[in-house]
Amino acid sequence: MRTVTYVTDMGDAPLVAKAHLEVFGEIRPAATIVEVSALDDPARTVEIEVYAIESGDGS
């Protein structure tokens, strides 16, 4: 699993990291955080992409 988080203010990174840990816990995916100038909706300040591969064996 891998996540990419886009933030409009890197000052929010500690809060984003805390939320990420709460959601993913012990899964611990590879994670990247990137500061961007804007997102498609000016009201949004954070966007998260999650990539996962299903194993096909039910695990």
Protein backbone atom coordinates (compact mmCIF):
# COMPACT_ATOMS: atom_id res chain seq x y z
CA MET A 1 0.00 0.00 0.00
CA ARG A 2 1.10 3.55 -0.69
CA THR A 3 -0.40 6.95 0.05
CA VAL A 4 0.30 10.36 -1.42
CA THR A 5 -1.06 13.35 0.46
CA TYR A 6 -1.30 16.79 -1.11
CA VAL A 7 -1.58 19.79 1.22
CA THR A 8 -1.90 23.47 0.41
CA ASP A 9 -0.02 24.43 3.58
CA MET A 10 2.90 22.32 4.82
CA GLY A 11 2.16 23.74 8.28
CA ASP A 12 -0.75 21.27 8.34
CA ALA A 13 1.64 18.33 7.93
CA PRO A 14 1.69 17.35 11.64
CA LEU A 15 -2.13 17.17 11.77
CA VAL A 16 -2.26 15.27 8.50
CA ALA A 17 0.37 12.81 9.74
CA LYS A 18 -1.59 12.27 12.96
CA ALA A 19 -4.82 11.58 11.03
CA HIS A 20 -2.92 9.26 8.66
CA LEU A 21 -1.59 7.26 11.60
CA GLU A 22 -5.07 7.03 13.15
CA VAL A 23 -6.55 5.70 9.91
CA PHE A 24 -3.79 3.35 8.82
CA GLY A 25 -2.38 2.40 12.23
CA GLU A 26 -0.18 -0.67 12.04
CA ILE A 27 -0.56 -1.02 8.28
CA ARG A 28 2.19 1.61 7.84
CA PRO A 29 2.02 2.20 4.08
CA ALA A 30 4.76 3.97 2.19
CA ALA A 31 3.69 7.61 2.47
CA THR A 32 4.57 10.86 0.77
CA ILE A 33 3.35 14.37 1.57
CA VAL A 34 3.58 17.10 -1.06
CA GLU A 35 2.79 20.81 -0.80
CA VAL A 36 0.78 22.16 -3.74
CA SER A 37 -0.34 25.71 -4.51
CA ALA A 38 -4.02 24.76 -4.79
CA LEU A 39 -6.47 21.89 -5.18
CA ASP A 40 -9.42 21.76 -7.59
CA ASP A 41 -11.83 23.06 -4.93
CA PRO A 42 -10.52 26.15 -3.07
CA ALA A 43 -12.36 24.99 0.07
CA ARG A 44 -10.20 21.87 0.27
CA THR A 45 -6.73 21.96 1.78
CA VAL A 46 -5.87 18.24 1.81
CA GLU A 47 -6.23 15.47 -0.77
CA ILE A 48 -5.12 11.88 -0.21
CA GLU A 49 -4.51 9.23 -2.86
CA VAL A 50 -4.33 5.61 -1.72
CA TYR A 51 -2.87 2.83 -3.85
CA ALA A 52 -3.35 -0.79 -2.85
CA ILE A 53 -2.91 -4.16 -4.50
CA GLU A 54 -5.37 -6.90 -3.74
CA SER A 55 -3.56 -10.17 -3.16
CA GLY A 56 -6.38 -12.31 -4.56
CA ASP A 57 -5.97 -14.91 -1.81
CA GLY A 58 -8.33 -13.23 0.64
CA SER A 59 -5.60 -11.79 2.83
